[in-house]
């Protein structure tokens, strides 16, 4: 009887192995679920990559604003980018500095051509009306990732950002 029971058990185990596995319907359902989840996650992932690239523009502008303030304290006027003791990295943005007067300067960070439809542009204004007055500065961000540049004035620190722009 013991050997008969073993034979039946082995037969049952061997018979069940033939029925194991996933059906085609089960595999298709899993593939469809994975596809839906990836379709939801991919745009979020791409926007995070653009936000990381935009941090280059913000950090470049911030470093140049601080450099302009230091240069104004030492030299009595705002300087151009070559005059400042600032190192910036320009992989995704092209940065320009305009010392529009002795008391104001404008800094622009525009995205390079290959990222023009994905990244936002930035502009900053630094203002110190007199050598004893405090510095006013503002960084403006284009509200859309479009092919337009931010259009704040050289005195953006006093006037604020233009239409369609936000203050950082």
C-alpha atoms as a PDB file:
ATOM      1  CA  UNK A   1       0.000   0.000   0.000  1.00  0.00           C
ATOM      2  CA  UNK A   2       2.838   2.337   0.710  1.00  0.00           C
ATOM      3  CA  UNK A   3       4.299   1.822  -2.754  1.00  0.00           C
ATOM      4  CA  UNK A   4       0.831   2.207  -4.298  1.00  0.00           C
ATOM      5  CA  UNK A   5       0.420   5.561  -2.514  1.00  0.00           C
ATOM      6  CA  UNK A   6       3.841   6.698  -3.725  1.00  0.00           C
ATOM      7  CA  UNK A   7       2.953   5.764  -7.285  1.00  0.00           C
ATOM      8  CA  UNK A   8      -0.305   7.708  -7.151  1.00  0.00           C
ATOM      9  CA  UNK A   9       1.461  10.732  -5.623  1.00  0.00           C
ATOM     10  CA  UNK A  10       4.167  10.699  -8.294  1.00  0.00           C
ATOM     11  CA  UNK A  11       1.515  10.342 -11.008  1.00  0.00           C
ATOM     12  CA  UNK A  12      -0.456  13.269  -9.603  1.00  0.00           C
ATOM     13  CA  UNK A  13       2.669  15.473  -9.327  1.00  0.00           C
ATOM     14  CA  UNK A  14       3.762  14.582 -12.844  1.00  0.00           C
ATOM     15  CA  UNK A  15       0.283  15.219 -14.236  1.00  0.00           C
ATOM     16  CA  UNK A  16       0.060  18.662 -12.543  1.00  0.00           C
ATOM     17  CA  UNK A  17       3.388  19.802 -14.071  1.00  0.00           C
ATOM     18  CA  UNK A  18       1.846  19.668 -17.526  1.00  0.00           C
ATOM     19  CA  UNK A  19      -0.835  22.190 -16.487  1.00  0.00           C
ATOM     20  CA  UNK A  20       1.548  24.721 -14.924  1.00  0.00           C
ATOM     21  CA  UNK A  21       2.426  28.033 -16.601  1.00  0.00           C
ATOM     22  CA  UNK A  22       0.717  31.229 -17.717  1.00  0.00           C
ATOM     23  CA  UNK A  23      -1.928  31.453 -20.371  1.00  0.00           C
ATOM     24  CA  UNK A  24      -1.606  33.827 -23.292  1.00  0.00           C
ATOM     25  CA  UNK A  25      -4.401  36.001 -21.882  1.00  0.00           C
ATOM     26  CA  UNK A  26      -2.616  36.367 -18.532  1.00  0.00           C
ATOM     27  CA  UNK A  27       0.617  37.393 -20.275  1.00  0.00           C
ATOM     28  CA  UNK A  28      -1.215  39.951 -22.446  1.00  0.00           C
ATOM     29  CA  UNK A  29      -2.912  41.479 -19.399  1.00  0.00           C
ATOM     30  CA  UNK A  30       0.449  41.886 -17.651  1.00  0.00           C
ATOM     31  CA  UNK A  31       2.017  43.473 -20.762  1.00  0.00           C
ATOM     32  CA  UNK A  32      -0.908  45.899 -21.106  1.00  0.00           C
ATOM     33  CA  UNK A  33      -0.640  46.913 -17.425  1.00  0.00           C
ATOM     34  CA  UNK A  34       3.111  47.525 -17.789  1.00  0.00           C
ATOM     35  CA  UNK A  35       2.453  49.607 -20.915  1.00  0.00           C
ATOM     36  CA  UNK A  36      -0.140  51.766 -19.167  1.00  0.00           C
ATOM     37  CA  UNK A  37       2.132  52.359 -16.164  1.00  0.00           C
ATOM     38  CA  UNK A  38       5.073  53.315 -18.377  1.00  0.00           C
ATOM     39  CA  UNK A  39       2.860  55.694 -20.413  1.00  0.00           C
ATOM     40  CA  UNK A  40       1.924  57.446 -17.181  1.00  0.00           C
ATOM     41  CA  UNK A  41       5.472  57.575 -15.798  1.00  0.00           C
ATOM     42  CA  UNK A  42       7.408  58.605 -18.940  1.00  0.00           C
ATOM     43  CA  UNK A  43       6.148  62.236 -19.225  1.00  0.00           C
ATOM     44  CA  UNK A  44       6.829  62.758 -15.516  1.00  0.00           C
ATOM     45  CA  UNK A  45      10.364  61.442 -15.960  1.00  0.00           C
ATOM     46  CA  UNK A  46      11.023  63.712 -18.943  1.00  0.00           C
ATOM     47  CA  UNK A  47       9.783  66.802 -17.096  1.00  0.00           C
ATOM     48  CA  UNK A  48      12.124  65.985 -14.201  1.00  0.00           C
ATOM     49  CA  UNK A  49      15.051  65.854 -16.628  1.00  0.00           C
ATOM     50  CA  UNK A  50      14.124  69.309 -17.966  1.00  0.00           C
ATOM     51  CA  UNK A  51      13.841  70.681 -14.432  1.00  0.00           C
ATOM     52  CA  UNK A  52      17.357  69.428 -13.735  1.00  0.00           C
ATOM     53  CA  UNK A  53      18.619  71.132 -16.904  1.00  0.00           C
ATOM     54  CA  UNK A  54      16.854  74.366 -15.925  1.00  0.00           C
ATOM     55  CA  UNK A  55      18.715  74.395 -12.631  1.00  0.00           C
ATOM     56  CA  UNK A  56      21.854  75.191 -14.661  1.00  0.00           C
ATOM     57  CA  UNK A  57      20.288  78.434 -15.896  1.00  0.00           C
ATOM     58  CA  UNK A  58      19.093  79.405 -12.412  1.00  0.00           C
ATOM     59  CA  UNK A  59      22.424  78.671 -10.750  1.00  0.00           C
ATOM     60  CA  UNK A  60      24.375  80.538 -13.474  1.00  0.00           C
ATOM     61  CA  UNK A  61      22.161  83.597 -13.065  1.00  0.00           C
ATOM     62  CA  UNK A  62      22.421  83.467  -9.264  1.00  0.00           C
ATOM     63  CA  UNK A  63      26.216  83.189  -9.373  1.00  0.00           C
ATOM     64  CA  UNK A  64      26.500  86.102 -11.794  1.00  0.00           C
ATOM     65  CA  UNK A  65      24.152  88.268  -9.687  1.00  0.00           C
ATOM     66  CA  UNK A  66      26.354  87.655  -6.631  1.00  0.00           C
ATOM     67  CA  UNK A  67      29.450  88.328  -8.749  1.00  0.00           C
ATOM     68  CA  UNK A  68      27.946  91.588 -10.000  1.00  0.00           C
ATOM     69  CA  UNK A  69      27.241  92.700  -6.451  1.00  0.00           C
ATOM     70  CA  UNK A  70      30.806  91.926  -5.361  1.00  0.00           C
ATOM     71  CA  UNK A  71      32.247  93.676  -8.420  1.00  0.00           C
ATOM     72  CA  UNK A  72      30.079  96.763  -7.787  1.00  0.00           C
ATOM     73  CA  UNK A  73      31.280  96.923  -4.176  1.00  0.00           C
ATOM     74  CA  UNK A  74      34.934  96.710  -5.260  1.00  0.00           C
ATOM     75  CA  UNK A  75      34.930  98.741  -8.492  1.00  0.00           C
ATOM     76  CA  UNK A  76      31.986 101.104  -8.031  1.00  0.00           C
ATOM     77  CA  UNK A  77      30.250  99.868 -11.201  1.00  0.00           C
ATOM     78  CA  UNK A  78      28.774  96.711 -12.667  1.00  0.00           C
ATOM     79  CA  UNK A  79      31.000  94.688 -14.949  1.00  0.00           C
ATOM     80  CA  UNK A  80      30.720  92.409 -17.947  1.00  0.00           C
ATOM     81  CA  UNK A  81      31.015  88.639 -17.669  1.00  0.00           C
ATOM     82  CA  UNK A  82      34.769  88.694 -18.312  1.00  0.00           C
ATOM     83  CA  UNK A  83      35.282  91.185 -15.483  1.00  0.00           C
ATOM     84  CA  UNK A  84      33.576  89.006 -12.885  1.00  0.00           C
ATOM     85  CA  UNK A  85      35.356  86.325 -10.889  1.00  0.00           C
ATOM     86  CA  UNK A  86      32.603  83.798 -11.659  1.00  0.00           C
ATOM     87  CA  UNK A  87      32.869  80.376 -13.263  1.00  0.00           C
ATOM     88  CA  UNK A  88      29.719  79.181 -14.991  1.00  0.00           C
ATOM     89  CA  UNK A  89      28.921  76.037 -16.934  1.00  0.00           C
ATOM     90  CA  UNK A  90      27.082  76.532 -20.223  1.00  0.00           C
ATOM     91  CA  UNK A  91      25.849  73.184 -21.472  1.00  0.00           C
ATOM     92  CA  UNK A  92      22.119  73.911 -21.779  1.00  0.00           C
ATOM     93  CA  UNK A  93      22.116  77.729 -21.563  1.00  0.00           C
ATOM     94  CA  UNK A  94      23.994  80.608 -23.177  1.00  0.00           C
ATOM     95  CA  UNK A  95      24.470  83.382 -20.639  1.00  0.00           C
ATOM     96  CA  UNK A  96      24.997  87.064 -21.481  1.00  0.00           C
ATOM     97  CA  UNK A  97      25.683  89.978 -19.150  1.00  0.00           C
ATOM     98  CA  UNK A  98      24.972  93.609 -19.963  1.00  0.00           C
ATOM     99  CA  UNK A  99      26.165  96.341 -17.631  1.00  0.00           C
ATOM    100  CA  UNK A 100      23.599  98.869 -18.827  1.00  0.00           C
ATOM    101  CA  UNK A 101      24.758 101.618 -16.506  1.00  0.00           C
ATOM    102  CA  UNK A 102      26.947 102.225 -13.494  1.00  0.00           C
ATOM    103  CA  UNK A 103      24.013 101.343 -11.231  1.00  0.00           C
ATOM    104  CA  UNK A 104      22.228  98.511 -13.100  1.00  0.00           C
ATOM    105  CA  UNK A 105      23.006  95.303 -14.949  1.00  0.00           C
ATOM    106  CA  UNK A 106      21.012  92.667 -16.801  1.00  0.00           C
ATOM    107  CA  UNK A 107      21.869  88.985 -17.032  1.00  0.00           C
ATOM    108  CA  UNK A 108      20.148  86.655 -19.515  1.00  0.00           C
ATOM    109  CA  UNK A 109      20.249  82.867 -19.704  1.00  0.00           C
ATOM    110  CA  UNK A 110      18.668  81.610 -22.913  1.00  0.00           C
ATOM    111  CA  UNK A 111      18.455  77.937 -23.746  1.00  0.00           C
ATOM    112  CA  UNK A 112      20.720  76.632 -26.487  1.00  0.00           C
ATOM    113  CA  UNK A 113      19.053  75.808 -29.855  1.00  0.00           C
ATOM    114  CA  UNK A 114      18.705  72.059 -29.315  1.00  0.00           C
ATOM    115  CA  UNK A 115      16.626  72.643 -26.128  1.00  0.00           C
ATOM    116  CA  UNK A 116      14.662  75.738 -27.169  1.00  0.00           C
ATOM    117  CA  UNK A 117      11.266  74.085 -27.061  1.00  0.00           C
ATOM    118  CA  UNK A 118      11.912  72.272 -23.759  1.00  0.00           C
ATOM    119  CA  UNK A 119      13.575  74.727 -21.357  1.00  0.00           C
ATOM    120  CA  UNK A 120      12.540  78.056 -19.879  1.00  0.00           C
ATOM    121  CA  UNK A 121      14.580  81.229 -20.311  1.00  0.00           C
ATOM    122  CA  UNK A 122      15.750  83.384 -17.398  1.00  0.00           C
ATOM    123  CA  UNK A 123      16.719  87.009 -16.939  1.00  0.00           C
ATOM    124  CA  UNK A 124      17.948  88.829 -13.875  1.00  0.00           C
ATOM    125  CA  UNK A 125      18.324  92.470 -13.048  1.00  0.00           C
ATOM    126  CA  UNK A 126      20.670  93.924 -10.441  1.00  0.00           C
ATOM    127  CA  UNK A 127      20.222  97.492  -9.272  1.00  0.00           C
ATOM    128  CA  UNK A 128      22.019  99.677  -6.770  1.00  0.00           C
ATOM    129  CA  UNK A 129      20.968 103.316  -7.252  1.00  0.00           C
ATOM    130  CA  UNK A 130      23.818 104.668  -5.140  1.00  0.00           C
ATOM    131  CA  UNK A 131      26.863 103.214  -3.447  1.00  0.00           C
ATOM    132  CA  UNK A 132      25.155 103.521  -0.054  1.00  0.00           C
ATOM    133  CA  UNK A 133      21.823 102.012  -1.122  1.00  0.00           C
ATOM    134  CA  UNK A 134      21.142  98.297  -0.772  1.00  0.00           C
ATOM    135  CA  UNK A 135      21.167  95.993  -3.784  1.00  0.00           C
ATOM    136  CA  UNK A 136      17.886  95.080  -5.445  1.00  0.00           C
ATOM    137  CA  UNK A 137      17.896  91.984  -7.618  1.00  0.00           C
ATOM    138  CA  UNK A 138      15.320  89.721  -9.187  1.00  0.00           C
ATOM    139  CA  UNK A 139      15.420  86.621 -11.369  1.00  0.00           C
ATOM    140  CA  UNK A 140      12.575  86.299 -13.867  1.00  0.00           C
ATOM    141  CA  UNK A 141      11.537  83.000 -15.438  1.00  0.00           C
ATOM    142  CA  UNK A 142       9.620  82.645 -18.689  1.00  0.00           C
ATOM    143  CA  UNK A 143       6.341  80.975 -17.743  1.00  0.00           C
ATOM    144  CA  UNK A 144       6.391  78.660 -20.781  1.00  0.00           C
ATOM    145  CA  UNK A 145       9.067  76.518 -22.351  1.00  0.00           C
ATOM    146  CA  UNK A 146       8.771  78.261 -25.692  1.00  0.00           C
ATOM    147  CA  UNK A 147      11.132  79.786 -28.184  1.00  0.00           C
ATOM    148  CA  UNK A 148      10.800  83.240 -26.611  1.00  0.00           C
ATOM    149  CA  UNK A 149      13.229  85.035 -24.350  1.00  0.00           C
ATOM    150  CA  UNK A 150      12.433  86.718 -21.083  1.00  0.00           C
ATOM    151  CA  UNK A 151      11.955  90.436 -21.565  1.00  0.00           C
ATOM    152  CA  UNK A 152      12.633  92.078 -18.240  1.00  0.00           C
ATOM    153  CA  UNK A 153      14.169  95.544 -18.381  1.00  0.00           C
ATOM    154  CA  UNK A 154      17.690  96.381 -17.255  1.00  0.00           C
ATOM    155  CA  UNK A 155      16.077  97.721 -14.113  1.00  0.00           C
ATOM    156  CA  UNK A 156      14.127  94.506 -13.544  1.00  0.00           C
ATOM    157  CA  UNK A 157      15.141  94.580  -9.908  1.00  0.00           C
ATOM    158  CA  UNK A 158      13.093  97.745  -9.462  1.00  0.00           C
ATOM    159  CA  UNK A 159      10.244  97.067 -11.894  1.00  0.00           C
ATOM    160  CA  UNK A 160       9.773  93.320 -11.466  1.00  0.00           C
ATOM    161  CA  UNK A 161       9.152  90.752 -14.146  1.00  0.00           C
ATOM    162  CA  UNK A 162       7.164  91.325 -17.314  1.00  0.00           C
ATOM    163  CA  UNK A 163       3.919  89.698 -18.417  1.00  0.00           C
ATOM    164  CA  UNK A 164       3.997  85.907 -18.603  1.00  0.00           C
ATOM    165  CA  UNK A 165       6.997  85.679 -16.278  1.00  0.00           C
ATOM    166  CA  UNK A 166       7.388  84.611 -12.690  1.00  0.00           C
ATOM    167  CA  UNK A 167       9.771  85.827 -10.017  1.00  0.00           C
ATOM    168  CA  UNK A 168      12.334  83.451  -8.505  1.00  0.00           C
END
